[in-house]
C-alpha cells in the first residue's frame, strides 16, 4: 500500500513542475511579444468601434483564451468525477 502511494507521488511530483515551467515560459514569450507591439489599433465589432494599444488587445485575447481553457478544464474534471 505504501509503495503504491510513493509511486503515485513520484509520477505526479514532476508533472506540476513541468506544467508550471511551460506556463511561465509561455507567459514570458507573451509579455515580450506584447511589449514589442505598442501601436494603437482600431477595433470594429458590429456597431462598436474603439481604439486601444495592440499590446492591450493581445493581452486581452490571451487572457480570454486562458480563462476559456481553465473553465473547460474545470468542466471536464467535473464530468469525469460524475462518471465515476
Foldseek 3Di string as FASTA:
>chain_A
DVVVVVVVCVVVVVVVVVVVVVVVVVVVVLVVVLVVFFCKDWDDDPPDIDIHTPSVVSVVVVVVVVVVVVVVVVVVVVVVVVVD
